[in-house]
Amino acid sequence: MPSFDTIKNTIYDVIYGKTSIECQWNWQDGSIPAKPFFSLGLPTFRKIGRDVLIGPDISGNFQMNGNRDFTLSILGFGTGIVEKTYLLQTIFERPDVHELFRIGGIFPYDIDQQIIEISGLDQSQPEERSSYDVFMRTDNIVTGIPAGIIEKVNIEATYEQFGKPDIETEINIDSTI
């Protein structure tokens, strides 16, 4: 899986690069950008299905692969932001934008969510606002998982024979020798 920094940088670079509208991650403790701007957030992240072990490689290690879904939450603030959010939604449909996301290790698979107009008062002044969620997916790859080799096995076995005495035996396997 790409790091969270890579995911965030890719999202920021694509949105700002294609709209020229300033973006800010919603947990930042800085000044609010000039309006209009988009506030970005990653409120959900979840594993899809089961992870799969691949390997072992020549070192005896496995690689674990799986998929992860996450939601990109985009809040818009400022004059004309609802229309700019609709334009952003159309930008997400372009093949060149999908390629930029792919290079960053993520893929927007559900870009057709509703754009919600949530305008309200900013202190005492009316302010245009929008809300738009994009569902994205990334892969998760964990490498270097040891194979978990069994080095010693000790077994006591009994062979039952009808009409004859049972045969008892002990099996010892030591792969460290």
Protein backbone atom coordinates (compact mmCIF):
# COMPACT_ATOMS: atom_id res chain seq x y z
CA MET A 1 0.00 0.00 0.00
CA PRO A 2 1.31 3.45 -0.71
CA SER A 3 2.04 5.42 2.44
CA PHE A 4 -0.59 7.81 3.74
CA ASP A 5 1.70 10.68 2.73
CA THR A 6 1.83 9.35 -0.84
CA ILE A 7 -1.96 8.98 -0.92
CA LYS A 8 -2.49 12.50 0.47
CA ASN A 9 0.12 14.06 -1.84
CA THR A 10 -1.36 12.36 -4.92
CA ILE A 11 -4.90 13.50 -4.06
CA TYR A 12 -3.76 17.05 -3.32
CA ASP A 13 -1.62 17.28 -6.45
CA VAL A 14 -4.42 16.01 -8.71
CA ILE A 15 -7.16 18.23 -7.27
CA TYR A 16 -5.08 21.39 -7.03
CA GLY A 17 -3.28 20.72 -10.32
CA LYS A 18 -6.48 20.20 -12.30
CA THR A 19 -8.69 22.89 -10.66
CA SER A 20 -6.20 25.53 -9.39
CA ILE A 21 -8.39 25.71 -6.28
CA GLU A 22 -6.43 25.72 -3.04
CA CYS A 23 -6.79 22.57 -0.92
CA GLN A 24 -6.21 21.97 2.76
CA TRP A 25 -6.32 18.73 4.74
CA ASN A 26 -9.05 19.19 7.32
CA TRP A 27 -6.88 18.34 10.34
CA GLN A 28 -4.28 21.00 9.66
CA ASP A 29 -3.82 23.64 12.29
CA GLY A 30 -3.01 26.49 9.95
CA SER A 31 -4.73 29.52 8.64
CA ILE A 32 -7.74 29.05 6.41
CA PRO A 33 -6.89 29.58 2.73
CA ALA A 34 -8.53 32.30 0.68
CA LYS A 35 -11.93 31.24 -0.63
CA PRO A 36 -12.86 29.33 -2.64
CA PHE A 37 -11.01 26.28 -1.32
CA PHE A 38 -11.48 22.55 -0.76
CA SER A 39 -11.04 20.92 2.62
CA LEU A 40 -9.96 17.28 2.17
CA GLY A 41 -10.34 14.38 4.58
CA LEU A 42 -9.93 10.61 4.75
CA PRO A 43 -12.62 9.66 7.28
CA THR A 44 -12.85 5.93 6.49
CA PHE A 45 -10.35 3.22 5.59
CA ARG A 46 -11.22 -0.49 5.49
CA LYS A 47 -9.90 -3.88 4.42
CA ILE A 48 -11.74 -5.63 1.56
CA GLY A 49 -12.04 -9.40 1.83
CA ARG A 50 -9.07 -11.45 2.92
CA ASP A 51 -5.39 -10.93 2.40
CA VAL A 52 -3.55 -13.55 0.32
CA LEU A 53 -0.08 -14.94 1.04
CA ILE A 54 2.19 -15.25 -2.00
CA GLY A 55 5.46 -17.12 -1.88
CA PRO A 56 7.73 -18.11 -0.35
CA ASP A 57 10.58 -16.37 -2.15
CA ILE A 58 14.16 -17.66 -2.24
CA SER A 59 14.71 -16.31 1.29
CA GLY A 60 11.74 -18.27 2.63
CA ASN A 61 9.60 -15.15 3.08
CA PHE A 62 6.04 -14.51 1.94
CA GLN A 63 4.32 -11.40 0.58
CA MET A 64 0.80 -10.57 1.80
CA ASN A 65 -1.49 -8.81 -0.71
CA GLY A 66 -4.96 -7.35 -0.19
CA ASN A 67 -7.21 -4.45 -1.11
CA ARG A 68 -8.22 -1.42 0.93
CA ASP A 69 -11.10 1.01 0.37
CA PHE A 70 -11.19 4.55 1.65
CA THR A 71 -13.40 7.60 1.35
CA LEU A 72 -12.10 10.95 0.22
CA SER A 73 -14.36 13.59 1.73
CA ILE A 74 -14.24 16.94 -0.07
CA LEU A 75 -15.83 20.01 1.50
CA GLY A 76 -15.92 23.18 -0.57
CA PHE A 77 -16.12 26.75 0.76
CA GLY A 78 -16.62 30.07 -1.05
CA THR A 79 -18.42 31.72 -3.89
CA GLY A 80 -19.13 29.40 -6.83
CA ILE A 81 -17.85 26.32 -4.98
CA VAL A 82 -20.86 24.11 -5.79
CA GLU A 83 -20.25 24.58 -9.53
CA LYS A 84 -16.50 24.08 -9.02
CA THR A 85 -17.26 20.81 -7.19
CA TYR A 86 -19.33 19.63 -10.16
CA LEU A 87 -16.39 20.48 -12.42
CA LEU A 88 -14.10 18.50 -10.12
CA GLN A 89 -16.43 15.51 -10.41
CA THR A 90 -16.11 15.65 -14.22
CA ILE A 91 -12.34 15.97 -13.95
CA PHE A 92 -12.29 12.67 -12.02
CA GLU A 93 -13.78 10.97 -15.12
CA ARG A 94 -10.80 11.80 -17.35
CA PRO A 95 -8.33 9.02 -18.30
CA ASP A 96 -5.30 11.28 -17.67
CA VAL A 97 -6.52 11.89 -14.11
CA HIS A 98 -7.01 8.14 -13.56
CA GLU A 99 -3.43 7.64 -14.74
CA LEU A 100 -2.16 10.21 -12.20
CA PHE A 101 -4.02 8.41 -9.42
CA ARG A 102 -2.70 5.03 -10.63
CA ILE A 103 0.87 6.32 -10.50
CA GLY A 104 0.17 7.33 -6.88
CA GLY A 105 -1.09 3.81 -6.12
CA ILE A 106 -4.79 4.66 -5.75
CA PHE A 107 -7.89 4.40 -7.92
CA PRO A 108 -11.17 6.34 -7.63
CA TYR A 109 -13.82 3.73 -8.37
CA ASP A 110 -17.01 5.55 -7.36
CA ILE A 111 -16.93 9.20 -8.38
CA ASP A 112 -20.67 9.58 -9.00
CA GLN A 113 -21.79 10.30 -5.45
CA GLN A 114 -24.12 13.24 -4.89
CA ILE A 115 -22.69 16.69 -4.60
CA ILE A 116 -24.56 18.24 -1.73
CA GLU A 117 -25.05 21.97 -1.43
CA ILE A 118 -24.63 22.72 2.29
CA SER A 119 -24.46 26.53 2.25
CA GLY A 120 -24.85 28.34 5.54
CA LEU A 121 -23.68 31.26 7.58
CA ASP A 122 -20.02 31.96 8.15
CA GLN A 123 -20.44 33.93 11.36
CA SER A 124 -23.00 36.45 10.06
CA GLN A 125 -22.36 36.25 6.31
CA PRO A 126 -23.93 33.69 3.95
CA GLU A 127 -21.37 31.32 2.47
CA GLU A 128 -21.71 28.83 -0.37
CA ARG A 129 -20.55 25.34 0.62
CA SER A 130 -20.48 21.88 -0.95
CA SER A 131 -19.90 18.31 0.18
CA TYR A 132 -18.73 15.48 -2.09
CA ASP A 133 -17.41 12.01 -1.30
CA VAL A 134 -15.27 9.90 -3.62
CA PHE A 135 -14.73 6.21 -2.93
CA MET A 136 -11.20 5.06 -3.68
CA ARG A 137 -9.24 1.84 -3.49
CA THR A 138 -5.60 0.95 -3.01
CA ASP A 139 -3.69 -2.26 -2.63
CA ASN A 140 -1.91 -3.37 0.48
CA ILE A 141 1.37 -5.24 0.11
CA VAL A 142 3.33 -6.41 3.13
CA THR A 143 6.64 -8.08 2.30
CA GLY A 144 9.17 -10.06 4.31
CA ILE A 145 6.75 -12.27 6.25
CA PRO A 146 8.72 -15.28 7.54
CA ALA A 147 7.47 -18.67 6.37
CA GLY A 148 7.19 -20.09 9.90
CA ILE A 149 9.35 -23.17 9.37
CA ILE A 150 8.81 -26.17 11.66
CA GLU A 151 12.27 -27.27 12.70
CA LYS A 152 11.53 -30.24 14.99
CA VAL A 153 8.72 -32.78 14.94
CA ASN A 154 8.26 -35.56 17.53
CA ILE A 155 5.42 -38.03 16.95
CA GLU A 156 4.32 -41.09 18.90
CA ALA A 157 2.30 -43.41 16.69
CA THR A 158 0.33 -46.60 17.25
CA TYR A 159 -0.53 -48.94 14.36
CA GLU A 160 -3.58 -51.03 15.19
CA GLN A 161 -3.59 -54.51 13.68
CA PHE A 162 -6.64 -56.76 13.92
CA GLY A 163 -5.80 -60.04 15.61
CA LYS A 164 -2.20 -58.99 16.29
CA PRO A 165 -0.53 -56.78 18.90
CA ASP A 166 -0.37 -53.04 18.14
CA ILE A 167 2.90 -51.62 16.90
CA GLU A 168 4.06 -48.53 18.72
CA THR A 169 6.71 -46.29 17.21
CA GLU A 170 8.22 -42.90 17.70
CA ILE A 171 9.10 -40.57 14.80
CA ASN A 172 11.56 -37.71 15.31
CA ILE A 173 12.41 -35.20 12.61
CA ASP A 174 15.03 -32.52 13.21
CA SER A 175 15.65 -30.20 10.25
CA THR A 176 18.34 -28.25 12.14
CA ILE A 177 20.87 -31.09 11.84
